[in-house]
Protein backbone atom coordinates (compact mmCIF):
# COMPACT_ATOMS: atom_id res chain seq x y z
CA UNK A 1 -8.21 59.87 -24.51
CA UNK A 2 -4.69 61.09 -23.76
CA UNK A 3 -3.62 64.21 -21.94
CA UNK A 4 -0.39 65.64 -20.60
CA UNK A 5 -0.54 66.98 -17.03
CA UNK A 6 2.33 69.35 -16.44
CA UNK A 7 1.83 69.83 -12.70
CA UNK A 8 -0.26 68.99 -9.63
CA UNK A 9 -2.84 71.66 -10.47
CA UNK A 10 -3.45 70.08 -13.89
CA UNK A 11 -4.10 66.74 -12.15
CA UNK A 12 -6.54 68.38 -9.72
CA UNK A 13 -8.26 70.12 -12.64
CA UNK A 14 -8.72 66.85 -14.53
CA UNK A 15 -10.31 65.32 -11.42
CA UNK A 16 -12.66 68.30 -11.21
CA UNK A 17 -13.55 68.08 -14.90
CA UNK A 18 -14.42 64.42 -14.59
CA UNK A 19 -16.50 64.96 -11.45
CA UNK A 20 -18.62 67.54 -13.25
CA UNK A 21 -19.56 65.07 -16.01
CA UNK A 22 -19.89 61.97 -13.80
CA UNK A 23 -23.29 60.31 -14.17
CA UNK A 24 -25.94 60.22 -11.46
CA UNK A 25 -25.78 56.43 -11.20
CA UNK A 26 -23.35 53.69 -10.22
CA UNK A 27 -19.98 54.64 -11.72
CA UNK A 28 -16.62 52.97 -11.13
CA UNK A 29 -13.17 54.35 -11.96
CA UNK A 30 -9.95 52.37 -11.67
CA UNK A 31 -6.86 54.52 -11.11
CA UNK A 32 -3.57 52.92 -12.12
CA UNK A 33 -0.01 54.18 -11.82
CA UNK A 34 3.11 53.88 -9.74
CA UNK A 35 3.41 55.25 -6.22
CA UNK A 36 3.28 59.05 -6.38
CA UNK A 37 1.88 59.15 -9.92
CA UNK A 38 -1.05 61.36 -8.90
CA UNK A 39 -3.93 58.96 -8.21
CA UNK A 40 -4.86 60.55 -4.88
CA UNK A 41 -4.30 64.05 -6.27
CA UNK A 42 -6.76 63.26 -9.07
CA UNK A 43 -9.24 61.95 -6.48
CA UNK A 44 -8.81 65.10 -4.39
CA UNK A 45 -9.81 67.25 -7.37
CA UNK A 46 -12.77 64.97 -8.05
CA UNK A 47 -14.09 64.95 -4.47
CA UNK A 48 -13.56 68.68 -3.94
CA UNK A 49 -15.43 69.48 -7.16
CA UNK A 50 -18.46 67.73 -5.67
CA UNK A 51 -18.33 69.97 -2.60
CA UNK A 52 -16.00 68.34 -0.06
CA UNK A 53 -14.27 71.05 1.98
CA UNK A 54 -11.85 69.02 4.09
CA UNK A 55 -8.73 67.01 3.40
CA UNK A 56 -8.75 64.13 0.95
CA UNK A 57 -6.19 61.62 2.07
CA UNK A 58 -5.16 58.29 0.66
CA UNK A 59 -6.90 55.46 2.52
CA UNK A 60 -3.77 53.31 2.36
CA UNK A 61 -4.32 51.78 5.80
CA UNK A 62 -8.11 51.95 6.08
CA UNK A 63 -8.65 50.75 2.46
CA UNK A 64 -11.62 53.09 1.92
CA UNK A 65 -12.69 56.67 2.65
CA UNK A 66 -16.36 57.56 2.31
CA UNK A 67 -17.72 60.98 1.33
CA UNK A 68 -21.43 61.81 1.33
CA UNK A 69 -21.81 64.65 -1.20
CA UNK A 70 -24.93 65.95 -2.95
CA UNK A 71 -26.93 62.85 -1.94
CA UNK A 72 -24.24 60.63 -3.47
CA UNK A 73 -21.85 58.20 -1.90
CA UNK A 74 -18.28 58.66 -3.09
CA UNK A 75 -15.86 55.90 -2.13
CA UNK A 76 -12.10 56.27 -2.48
CA UNK A 77 -10.36 52.91 -2.24
CA UNK A 78 -6.61 52.35 -2.00
CA UNK A 79 -5.84 48.64 -2.22
CA UNK A 80 -2.05 48.99 -2.22
CA UNK A 81 -1.65 47.31 1.18
CA UNK A 82 -4.28 44.64 0.57
CA UNK A 83 -2.55 41.39 1.48
CA UNK A 84 -5.31 39.04 0.31
CA UNK A 85 -8.14 39.96 -2.10
CA UNK A 86 -10.48 37.90 0.11
CA UNK A 87 -10.25 40.69 2.70
CA UNK A 88 -12.58 42.69 0.48
CA UNK A 89 -15.32 40.12 0.96
CA UNK A 90 -14.94 40.37 4.74
CA UNK A 91 -15.35 44.15 4.62
CA UNK A 92 -18.60 43.77 2.66
CA UNK A 93 -17.26 45.13 -0.61
CA UNK A 94 -20.53 44.51 -2.46
CA UNK A 95 -22.31 47.03 -0.23
CA UNK A 96 -20.21 49.86 -1.67
CA UNK A 97 -21.40 49.39 -5.24
CA UNK A 98 -25.00 50.58 -5.26
CA UNK A 99 -27.25 52.74 -7.40
CA UNK A 100 -25.91 56.23 -6.65
CA UNK A 101 -22.30 55.44 -5.71
CA UNK A 102 -19.12 56.57 -7.41
CA UNK A 103 -16.06 54.50 -6.61
CA UNK A 104 -12.51 55.60 -7.34
CA UNK A 105 -10.22 52.61 -6.84
CA UNK A 106 -6.43 52.81 -6.64
CA UNK A 107 -4.50 49.55 -7.19
CA UNK A 108 -7.70 47.79 -8.32
CA UNK A 109 -5.72 44.88 -9.80
CA UNK A 110 -5.02 43.73 -6.22
CA UNK A 111 -8.70 43.01 -5.63
CA UNK A 112 -9.88 42.48 -9.17
CA UNK A 113 -11.91 39.30 -8.63
CA UNK A 114 -14.01 41.04 -5.98
CA UNK A 115 -14.59 44.34 -7.79
CA UNK A 116 -17.04 45.28 -10.53
CA UNK A 117 -15.50 46.08 -13.89
CA UNK A 118 -14.58 49.74 -14.28
CA UNK A 119 -16.51 52.20 -16.40
CA UNK A 120 -13.26 54.14 -16.82
CA UNK A 121 -9.65 53.07 -16.55
CA UNK A 122 -7.29 55.96 -15.81
CA UNK A 123 -3.55 55.33 -16.13
CA UNK A 124 -1.13 57.97 -14.80
CA UNK A 125 2.46 57.64 -15.99
CA UNK A 126 5.56 59.62 -15.05
CA UNK A 127 7.12 61.72 -17.79
CA UNK A 128 10.41 63.63 -17.63
CA UNK A 129 8.28 66.52 -16.39
CA UNK A 130 4.68 66.08 -15.37
CA UNK A 131 2.47 63.08 -16.08
CA UNK A 132 0.79 61.43 -19.02
CA UNK A 133 -2.80 60.39 -18.38
CA UNK A 134 -4.61 57.84 -20.50
CA UNK A 135 -8.35 57.50 -19.99
CA UNK A 136 -10.00 54.45 -21.47
CA UNK A 137 -13.74 53.83 -21.51
CA UNK A 138 -14.50 50.25 -20.53
CA UNK A 139 -18.32 50.40 -20.78
CA UNK A 140 -20.96 52.30 -22.74
CA UNK A 141 -21.40 54.57 -19.72
CA UNK A 142 -17.66 55.18 -19.68
CA UNK A 143 -17.78 56.11 -23.39
CA UNK A 144 -20.56 58.59 -22.67
CA UNK A 145 -18.52 60.21 -19.89
CA UNK A 146 -15.36 60.32 -22.06
CA UNK A 147 -17.37 62.05 -24.78
CA UNK A 148 -18.49 64.73 -22.33
CA UNK A 149 -14.98 65.10 -20.94
CA UNK A 150 -13.50 65.47 -24.41
CA UNK A 151 -15.82 68.40 -25.26
């Protein structure tokens, strides 16, 4: 699925749209793109659509932000500053991927060997104006979500 996002609001809206069709089970999204491409903006739209009222900041230094929303655990990871993928094992990374958790992971390639495969891969790319977003289903669950998002 490809979409052009002409501004920040369009990126927030896409995050909201995806949150509204996200399944009520373990679901993992990898967010790829250069610095400033809109990964955290997308996550902000996603988390706010599920009811979060406060700020949604990039967990660049803490690696993960946790949101408890509608009896679901939402984890926003930013692995940009991860110096060694083994650090994820020390923080108990496996504990984050449980039955009712949604994980949005920025810079997932930096911890790939310690992360579950994504259900969706979202690539944000700069354009002359705005962003191009490419959403690729990586699992059957991801295909189901893409189908709902496309409608």
